[in-house]
């Protein structure tokens, strides 16, 4: 999760304050009334971020295709899982490209957060539903997981400027686990799929009846969500 607002470089006495630069970019964006002005405002790093969102959306559609097809045809389910690591690749590269080119847009951080929510929040939840976590309470708990990811990204956007920085201007640590760590759950689901532990064979089975029926294994998603919104967990940035 590479945040890209305010790309750092060596400071100088002549460099304008960051707030001034942001105001100038905002004024240019708001006053540009040409056709496709929003597209013109995107930088190369933003287009890479869009590819992250593309991977997340394609993963969700692949999960839906599996739900609509034969349950013994796992190609679409595996495809849904494969798209998510590609999303992580693009999530890593957008920040690298922004720092390499020393260019960022006002929309960069917001695009990054929205793409992360799709690729590492909604896509894993959709894959879990396709895998077999389909009871009413399962979906409530998966929604909790997605909302934790949403809240964690919103908190980062608000607090990133106040976090301690290193000599390059990057935050020293993440508060709570970064949302891409949900790929660890995706790897677990891939293992279950390879063993045939899906649908009616999900490990630990189900407990409860009616609206209270759920798979205990879905609590892995709840634990991940709680770790994301934790204030006490500090993950050093690499």
C-alpha atoms as a PDB file:
ATOM      1  CA  UNK A   1       0.000   0.000   0.000  1.00  0.00           C
ATOM      2  CA  UNK A   2       2.096   2.841  -1.302  1.00  0.00           C
ATOM      3  CA  UNK A   3       0.597   6.247  -0.533  1.00  0.00           C
ATOM      4  CA  UNK A   4       1.414   8.872  -3.118  1.00  0.00           C
ATOM      5  CA  UNK A   5       0.214  12.277  -1.974  1.00  0.00           C
ATOM      6  CA  UNK A   6       3.120  14.563  -1.279  1.00  0.00           C
ATOM      7  CA  UNK A   7       5.957  12.697  -2.983  1.00  0.00           C
ATOM      8  CA  UNK A   8       9.067  13.513  -0.986  1.00  0.00           C
ATOM      9  CA  UNK A   9      12.281  14.913  -2.441  1.00  0.00           C
ATOM     10  CA  UNK A  10      15.211  16.873  -1.110  1.00  0.00           C
ATOM     11  CA  UNK A  11      13.868  20.056   0.394  1.00  0.00           C
ATOM     12  CA  UNK A  12      15.146  23.517  -0.530  1.00  0.00           C
ATOM     13  CA  UNK A  13      14.475  27.058   0.609  1.00  0.00           C
ATOM     14  CA  UNK A  14      12.786  27.806  -2.710  1.00  0.00           C
ATOM     15  CA  UNK A  15      10.344  24.856  -2.566  1.00  0.00           C
ATOM     16  CA  UNK A  16       6.743  25.968  -1.940  1.00  0.00           C
ATOM     17  CA  UNK A  17       4.902  24.580   1.070  1.00  0.00           C
ATOM     18  CA  UNK A  18       3.099  21.322   0.411  1.00  0.00           C
ATOM     19  CA  UNK A  19      -0.255  22.932   1.168  1.00  0.00           C
ATOM     20  CA  UNK A  20       0.419  25.635  -1.446  1.00  0.00           C
ATOM     21  CA  UNK A  21       1.249  23.028  -4.066  1.00  0.00           C
ATOM     22  CA  UNK A  22      -1.928  21.080  -3.243  1.00  0.00           C
ATOM     23  CA  UNK A  23      -4.036  24.233  -3.507  1.00  0.00           C
ATOM     24  CA  UNK A  24      -2.511  24.984  -6.899  1.00  0.00           C
ATOM     25  CA  UNK A  25      -3.261  21.457  -8.119  1.00  0.00           C
ATOM     26  CA  UNK A  26      -6.806  21.683  -6.772  1.00  0.00           C
ATOM     27  CA  UNK A  27      -7.385  25.016  -8.492  1.00  0.00           C
ATOM     28  CA  UNK A  28      -6.074  23.661 -11.792  1.00  0.00           C
ATOM     29  CA  UNK A  29      -8.266  20.577 -11.526  1.00  0.00           C
ATOM     30  CA  UNK A  30     -11.403  22.553 -10.653  1.00  0.00           C
ATOM     31  CA  UNK A  31     -10.896  25.210 -13.318  1.00  0.00           C
ATOM     32  CA  UNK A  32     -10.058  22.833 -16.168  1.00  0.00           C
ATOM     33  CA  UNK A  33     -13.302  22.536 -18.154  1.00  0.00           C
ATOM     34  CA  UNK A  34     -11.862  20.781 -21.199  1.00  0.00           C
ATOM     35  CA  UNK A  35     -13.284  17.456 -22.353  1.00  0.00           C
ATOM     36  CA  UNK A  36     -11.817  14.514 -20.435  1.00  0.00           C
ATOM     37  CA  UNK A  37     -10.090  16.923 -18.037  1.00  0.00           C
ATOM     38  CA  UNK A  38     -10.086  14.298 -15.290  1.00  0.00           C
ATOM     39  CA  UNK A  39      -8.280  11.827 -17.562  1.00  0.00           C
ATOM     40  CA  UNK A  40      -5.765  14.537 -18.483  1.00  0.00           C
ATOM     41  CA  UNK A  41      -5.070  15.101 -14.777  1.00  0.00           C
ATOM     42  CA  UNK A  42      -4.021  11.495 -14.182  1.00  0.00           C
ATOM     43  CA  UNK A  43      -0.334  10.664 -13.955  1.00  0.00           C
ATOM     44  CA  UNK A  44       1.338   7.391 -14.875  1.00  0.00           C
ATOM     45  CA  UNK A  45       1.196   6.258 -11.245  1.00  0.00           C
ATOM     46  CA  UNK A  46      -2.566   6.848 -11.204  1.00  0.00           C
ATOM     47  CA  UNK A  47      -3.032   4.655 -14.272  1.00  0.00           C
ATOM     48  CA  UNK A  48      -1.093   1.879 -12.520  1.00  0.00           C
ATOM     49  CA  UNK A  49      -3.408   2.294  -9.528  1.00  0.00           C
ATOM     50  CA  UNK A  50      -6.356   1.867 -11.892  1.00  0.00           C
ATOM     51  CA  UNK A  51      -4.880  -1.509 -12.872  1.00  0.00           C
ATOM     52  CA  UNK A  52      -4.999  -2.477  -9.197  1.00  0.00           C
ATOM     53  CA  UNK A  53      -8.729  -1.693  -9.190  1.00  0.00           C
ATOM     54  CA  UNK A  54      -9.127  -3.581 -12.476  1.00  0.00           C
ATOM     55  CA  UNK A  55      -7.630  -6.718 -10.910  1.00  0.00           C
ATOM     56  CA  UNK A  56      -9.962  -6.442  -7.920  1.00  0.00           C
ATOM     57  CA  UNK A  57     -13.045  -6.004 -10.081  1.00  0.00           C
ATOM     58  CA  UNK A  58     -12.079  -8.922 -12.324  1.00  0.00           C
ATOM     59  CA  UNK A  59     -11.554 -11.072  -9.234  1.00  0.00           C
ATOM     60  CA  UNK A  60     -15.085 -10.284  -8.054  1.00  0.00           C
ATOM     61  CA  UNK A  61     -16.557 -11.114 -11.454  1.00  0.00           C
ATOM     62  CA  UNK A  62     -14.646 -14.402 -11.510  1.00  0.00           C
ATOM     63  CA  UNK A  63     -16.114 -15.294  -8.107  1.00  0.00           C
ATOM     64  CA  UNK A  64     -19.581 -14.542  -9.444  1.00  0.00           C
ATOM     65  CA  UNK A  65     -18.957 -16.704 -12.518  1.00  0.00           C
ATOM     66  CA  UNK A  66     -18.007 -19.606 -10.270  1.00  0.00           C
ATOM     67  CA  UNK A  67     -21.248 -19.199  -8.319  1.00  0.00           C
ATOM     68  CA  UNK A  68     -23.208 -19.339 -11.582  1.00  0.00           C
ATOM     69  CA  UNK A  69     -21.357 -22.347 -13.006  1.00  0.00           C
ATOM     70  CA  UNK A  70     -20.771 -25.948 -12.070  1.00  0.00           C
ATOM     71  CA  UNK A  71     -19.429 -26.317  -8.541  1.00  0.00           C
ATOM     72  CA  UNK A  72     -16.795 -28.852  -9.636  1.00  0.00           C
ATOM     73  CA  UNK A  73     -15.293 -26.449 -12.222  1.00  0.00           C
ATOM     74  CA  UNK A  74     -12.792 -24.532 -10.102  1.00  0.00           C
ATOM     75  CA  UNK A  75     -11.150 -22.534 -12.886  1.00  0.00           C
ATOM     76  CA  UNK A  76     -13.059 -19.332 -12.164  1.00  0.00           C
ATOM     77  CA  UNK A  77     -12.474 -19.694  -8.421  1.00  0.00           C
ATOM     78  CA  UNK A  78      -8.731 -20.041  -8.921  1.00  0.00           C
ATOM     79  CA  UNK A  79      -8.798 -17.134 -11.371  1.00  0.00           C
ATOM     80  CA  UNK A  80     -10.488 -14.973  -8.735  1.00  0.00           C
ATOM     81  CA  UNK A  81      -7.630 -15.719  -6.350  1.00  0.00           C
ATOM     82  CA  UNK A  82      -4.920 -15.119  -8.962  1.00  0.00           C
ATOM     83  CA  UNK A  83      -6.147 -11.612  -9.786  1.00  0.00           C
ATOM     84  CA  UNK A  84      -5.607 -10.382  -6.221  1.00  0.00           C
ATOM     85  CA  UNK A  85      -1.797 -10.827  -6.074  1.00  0.00           C
ATOM     86  CA  UNK A  86      -1.573  -9.003  -9.400  1.00  0.00           C
ATOM     87  CA  UNK A  87      -3.483  -6.187  -7.712  1.00  0.00           C
ATOM     88  CA  UNK A  88      -0.814  -6.180  -4.997  1.00  0.00           C
ATOM     89  CA  UNK A  89       1.887  -5.882  -7.662  1.00  0.00           C
ATOM     90  CA  UNK A  90       0.256  -2.785  -9.136  1.00  0.00           C
ATOM     91  CA  UNK A  91      -0.360  -1.401  -5.629  1.00  0.00           C
ATOM     92  CA  UNK A  92       3.372  -1.689  -4.975  1.00  0.00           C
ATOM     93  CA  UNK A  93       4.414  -0.258  -8.323  1.00  0.00           C
ATOM     94  CA  UNK A  94       2.270   2.886  -8.313  1.00  0.00           C
ATOM     95  CA  UNK A  95       4.172   4.369  -5.366  1.00  0.00           C
ATOM     96  CA  UNK A  96       7.510   3.358  -6.888  1.00  0.00           C
ATOM     97  CA  UNK A  97       6.634   5.066 -10.175  1.00  0.00           C
ATOM     98  CA  UNK A  98       5.352   8.202  -8.434  1.00  0.00           C
ATOM     99  CA  UNK A  99       8.594   8.590  -6.471  1.00  0.00           C
ATOM    100  CA  UNK A 100      10.695   7.770  -9.519  1.00  0.00           C
ATOM    101  CA  UNK A 101       8.971  10.428 -11.642  1.00  0.00           C
ATOM    102  CA  UNK A 102       8.521  12.817  -8.680  1.00  0.00           C
ATOM    103  CA  UNK A 103       4.966  13.415  -9.806  1.00  0.00           C
ATOM    104  CA  UNK A 104       1.703  12.876  -7.968  1.00  0.00           C
ATOM    105  CA  UNK A 105      -1.889  14.011  -8.349  1.00  0.00           C
ATOM    106  CA  UNK A 106      -4.436  15.069  -5.770  1.00  0.00           C
ATOM    107  CA  UNK A 107      -6.489  12.026  -6.716  1.00  0.00           C
ATOM    108  CA  UNK A 108      -3.586   9.621  -6.216  1.00  0.00           C
ATOM    109  CA  UNK A 109      -4.156   8.758  -2.560  1.00  0.00           C
ATOM    110  CA  UNK A 110      -7.925   8.521  -2.961  1.00  0.00           C
ATOM    111  CA  UNK A 111      -7.583   6.283  -6.013  1.00  0.00           C
ATOM    112  CA  UNK A 112      -5.118   4.123  -4.098  1.00  0.00           C
ATOM    113  CA  UNK A 113      -7.498   3.659  -1.170  1.00  0.00           C
ATOM    114  CA  UNK A 114     -10.497   2.860  -3.365  1.00  0.00           C
ATOM    115  CA  UNK A 115      -8.506   0.382  -5.454  1.00  0.00           C
ATOM    116  CA  UNK A 116      -7.194  -1.286  -2.281  1.00  0.00           C
ATOM    117  CA  UNK A 117     -10.716  -1.617  -0.920  1.00  0.00           C
ATOM    118  CA  UNK A 118     -11.819  -3.384  -4.109  1.00  0.00           C
ATOM    119  CA  UNK A 119      -8.787  -5.671  -4.462  1.00  0.00           C
ATOM    120  CA  UNK A 120      -8.096  -6.517  -0.815  1.00  0.00           C
ATOM    121  CA  UNK A 121     -11.488  -5.973   0.800  1.00  0.00           C
ATOM    122  CA  UNK A 122     -14.379  -6.728  -1.534  1.00  0.00           C
ATOM    123  CA  UNK A 123     -12.553  -9.262  -3.719  1.00  0.00           C
ATOM    124  CA  UNK A 124     -11.512 -11.579  -0.824  1.00  0.00           C
ATOM    125  CA  UNK A 125     -15.024 -11.313   0.653  1.00  0.00           C
ATOM    126  CA  UNK A 126     -16.601 -12.204  -2.699  1.00  0.00           C
ATOM    127  CA  UNK A 127     -14.176 -15.106  -3.074  1.00  0.00           C
ATOM    128  CA  UNK A 128     -15.079 -16.342   0.415  1.00  0.00           C
ATOM    129  CA  UNK A 129     -18.783 -16.224  -0.500  1.00  0.00           C
ATOM    130  CA  UNK A 130     -18.086 -18.224  -3.663  1.00  0.00           C
ATOM    131  CA  UNK A 131     -16.023 -20.692  -1.616  1.00  0.00           C
ATOM    132  CA  UNK A 132     -19.013 -21.499   0.569  1.00  0.00           C
ATOM    133  CA  UNK A 133     -19.403 -18.844   3.274  1.00  0.00           C
ATOM    134  CA  UNK A 134     -22.973 -18.181   2.189  1.00  0.00           C
ATOM    135  CA  UNK A 135     -25.181 -18.217   5.277  1.00  0.00           C
ATOM    136  CA  UNK A 136     -26.820 -14.979   6.401  1.00  0.00           C
ATOM    137  CA  UNK A 137     -24.496 -14.641   9.393  1.00  0.00           C
ATOM    138  CA  UNK A 138     -21.484 -15.489   7.205  1.00  0.00           C
ATOM    139  CA  UNK A 139     -22.305 -12.527   4.984  1.00  0.00           C
ATOM    140  CA  UNK A 140     -22.779 -10.246   7.995  1.00  0.00           C
ATOM    141  CA  UNK A 141     -19.305 -11.175   9.256  1.00  0.00           C
ATOM    142  CA  UNK A 142     -17.778 -10.778   5.797  1.00  0.00           C
ATOM    143  CA  UNK A 143     -19.389  -7.335   5.589  1.00  0.00           C
ATOM    144  CA  UNK A 144     -17.808  -6.499   8.953  1.00  0.00           C
ATOM    145  CA  UNK A 145     -14.451  -7.464   7.441  1.00  0.00           C
ATOM    146  CA  UNK A 146     -14.994  -5.170   4.439  1.00  0.00           C
ATOM    147  CA  UNK A 147     -16.078  -2.260   6.649  1.00  0.00           C
ATOM    148  CA  UNK A 148     -12.975  -2.686   8.810  1.00  0.00           C
ATOM    149  CA  UNK A 149     -10.872  -2.368   5.668  1.00  0.00           C
ATOM    150  CA  UNK A 150     -12.849   0.709   4.627  1.00  0.00           C
ATOM    151  CA  UNK A 151     -12.384   2.319   8.042  1.00  0.00           C
ATOM    152  CA  UNK A 152      -8.695   1.461   8.158  1.00  0.00           C
ATOM    153  CA  UNK A 153      -8.066   3.132   4.783  1.00  0.00           C
ATOM    154  CA  UNK A 154     -10.057   6.226   5.792  1.00  0.00           C
ATOM    155  CA  UNK A 155      -8.079   6.523   9.041  1.00  0.00           C
ATOM    156  CA  UNK A 156      -4.796   6.244   7.152  1.00  0.00           C
ATOM    157  CA  UNK A 157      -5.762   9.032   4.764  1.00  0.00           C
ATOM    158  CA  UNK A 158      -6.621  11.306   7.683  1.00  0.00           C
ATOM    159  CA  UNK A 159      -3.664  10.504   9.961  1.00  0.00           C
ATOM    160  CA  UNK A 160      -0.845   9.865   7.467  1.00  0.00           C
ATOM    161  CA  UNK A 161       0.542  13.402   7.836  1.00  0.00           C
ATOM    162  CA  UNK A 162       0.737  13.101  11.622  1.00  0.00           C
ATOM    163  CA  UNK A 163       2.544   9.744  11.757  1.00  0.00           C
ATOM    164  CA  UNK A 164       6.308   9.793  12.519  1.00  0.00           C
ATOM    165  CA  UNK A 165       8.399  10.059   9.350  1.00  0.00           C
ATOM    166  CA  UNK A 166      11.810   8.746   8.361  1.00  0.00           C
ATOM    167  CA  UNK A 167      14.509  10.768   6.586  1.00  0.00           C
ATOM    168  CA  UNK A 168      12.823  10.263   3.200  1.00  0.00           C
ATOM    169  CA  UNK A 169       9.490  11.619   4.420  1.00  0.00           C
ATOM    170  CA  UNK A 170       7.717   8.239   4.487  1.00  0.00           C
ATOM    171  CA  UNK A 171       5.738   7.146   7.527  1.00  0.00           C
ATOM    172  CA  UNK A 172       7.776   4.861   9.776  1.00  0.00           C
ATOM    173  CA  UNK A 173       4.930   2.421  10.399  1.00  0.00           C
ATOM    174  CA  UNK A 174       1.348   1.465   9.650  1.00  0.00           C
ATOM    175  CA  UNK A 175      -1.296   1.739  12.356  1.00  0.00           C
ATOM    176  CA  UNK A 176      -3.049  -1.617  12.212  1.00  0.00           C
ATOM    177  CA  UNK A 177      -2.253  -4.246   9.624  1.00  0.00           C
ATOM    178  CA  UNK A 178      -2.240  -2.927   6.032  1.00  0.00           C
ATOM    179  CA  UNK A 179      -5.234  -4.113   4.022  1.00  0.00           C
ATOM    180  CA  UNK A 180      -3.076  -6.073   1.509  1.00  0.00           C
ATOM    181  CA  UNK A 181      -2.287  -8.503   4.356  1.00  0.00           C
ATOM    182  CA  UNK A 182      -5.724 -10.000   3.637  1.00  0.00           C
ATOM    183  CA  UNK A 183      -3.975 -11.904   0.856  1.00  0.00           C
ATOM    184  CA  UNK A 184      -2.803 -14.272   3.576  1.00  0.00           C
ATOM    185  CA  UNK A 185      -6.445 -15.347   3.915  1.00  0.00           C
ATOM    186  CA  UNK A 186      -6.651 -15.698   0.136  1.00  0.00           C
ATOM    187  CA  UNK A 187      -3.674 -18.090   0.234  1.00  0.00           C
ATOM    188  CA  UNK A 188      -5.491 -20.073   2.924  1.00  0.00           C
ATOM    189  CA  UNK A 189      -8.606 -20.266   0.731  1.00  0.00           C
ATOM    190  CA  UNK A 190      -6.435 -21.399  -2.187  1.00  0.00           C
ATOM    191  CA  UNK A 191      -5.072 -24.221  -0.017  1.00  0.00           C
ATOM    192  CA  UNK A 192      -8.589 -25.246   1.011  1.00  0.00           C
ATOM    193  CA  UNK A 193      -9.644 -25.239  -2.638  1.00  0.00           C
ATOM    194  CA  UNK A 194      -6.715 -27.441  -3.632  1.00  0.00           C
ATOM    195  CA  UNK A 195      -7.800 -29.936  -0.951  1.00  0.00           C
ATOM    196  CA  UNK A 196     -11.451 -29.802  -1.949  1.00  0.00           C
ATOM    197  CA  UNK A 197     -12.419 -28.193   1.357  1.00  0.00           C
ATOM    198  CA  UNK A 198     -15.075 -25.897  -0.108  1.00  0.00           C
ATOM    199  CA  UNK A 199     -18.858 -25.518  -0.118  1.00  0.00           C
ATOM    200  CA  UNK A 200     -20.167 -28.302   2.150  1.00  0.00           C
ATOM    201  CA  UNK A 201     -16.640 -29.359   3.151  1.00  0.00           C
ATOM    202  CA  UNK A 202     -15.287 -26.103   4.617  1.00  0.00           C
ATOM    203  CA  UNK A 203     -13.084 -26.859   7.659  1.00  0.00           C
ATOM    204  CA  UNK A 204     -14.911 -26.831  11.020  1.00  0.00           C
ATOM    205  CA  UNK A 205     -18.294 -27.108   9.289  1.00  0.00           C
ATOM    206  CA  UNK A 206     -21.164 -24.951  10.531  1.00  0.00           C
ATOM    207  CA  UNK A 207     -22.742 -24.230  13.890  1.00  0.00           C
ATOM    208  CA  UNK A 208     -26.140 -22.788  14.756  1.00  0.00           C
ATOM    209  CA  UNK A 209     -29.387 -22.963  12.833  1.00  0.00           C
ATOM    210  CA  UNK A 210     -31.494 -20.625  10.763  1.00  0.00           C
ATOM    211  CA  UNK A 211     -30.294 -17.016  10.725  1.00  0.00           C
ATOM    212  CA  UNK A 212     -27.673 -17.870  13.354  1.00  0.00           C
ATOM    213  CA  UNK A 213     -25.998 -20.579  11.279  1.00  0.00           C
ATOM    214  CA  UNK A 214     -22.429 -19.742  10.299  1.00  0.00           C
ATOM    215  CA  UNK A 215     -19.038 -21.277   9.540  1.00  0.00           C
ATOM    216  CA  UNK A 216     -16.590 -20.815  12.443  1.00  0.00           C
ATOM    217  CA  UNK A 217     -13.803 -20.489   9.862  1.00  0.00           C
ATOM    218  CA  UNK A 218     -15.266 -17.120   8.810  1.00  0.00           C
ATOM    219  CA  UNK A 219     -13.940 -15.729  12.088  1.00  0.00           C
ATOM    220  CA  UNK A 220     -10.535 -15.583  10.391  1.00  0.00           C
ATOM    221  CA  UNK A 221     -11.929 -12.648   8.411  1.00  0.00           C
ATOM    222  CA  UNK A 222     -13.206 -11.005  11.596  1.00  0.00           C
ATOM    223  CA  UNK A 223      -9.778 -11.334  13.212  1.00  0.00           C
ATOM    224  CA  UNK A 224      -8.167  -9.772  10.148  1.00  0.00           C
ATOM    225  CA  UNK A 225     -10.666  -6.908  10.253  1.00  0.00           C
ATOM    226  CA  UNK A 226      -9.983  -6.236  13.935  1.00  0.00           C
ATOM    227  CA  UNK A 227      -6.225  -6.233  13.273  1.00  0.00           C
ATOM    228  CA  UNK A 228      -6.657  -3.680  10.494  1.00  0.00           C
ATOM    229  CA  UNK A 229      -8.463  -1.157  12.697  1.00  0.00           C
ATOM    230  CA  UNK A 230      -6.233  -1.742  15.740  1.00  0.00           C
ATOM    231  CA  UNK A 231      -4.553   1.372  17.104  1.00  0.00           C
ATOM    232  CA  UNK A 232      -1.927  -0.514  19.109  1.00  0.00           C
ATOM    233  CA  UNK A 233      -0.555  -2.679  16.285  1.00  0.00           C
ATOM    234  CA  UNK A 234       2.328  -0.898  14.526  1.00  0.00           C
ATOM    235  CA  UNK A 235       3.686  -2.537  11.387  1.00  0.00           C
ATOM    236  CA  UNK A 236       7.076  -1.067  10.297  1.00  0.00           C
ATOM    237  CA  UNK A 237       7.201   0.131   6.718  1.00  0.00           C
ATOM    238  CA  UNK A 238       9.731  -1.594   4.512  1.00  0.00           C
END
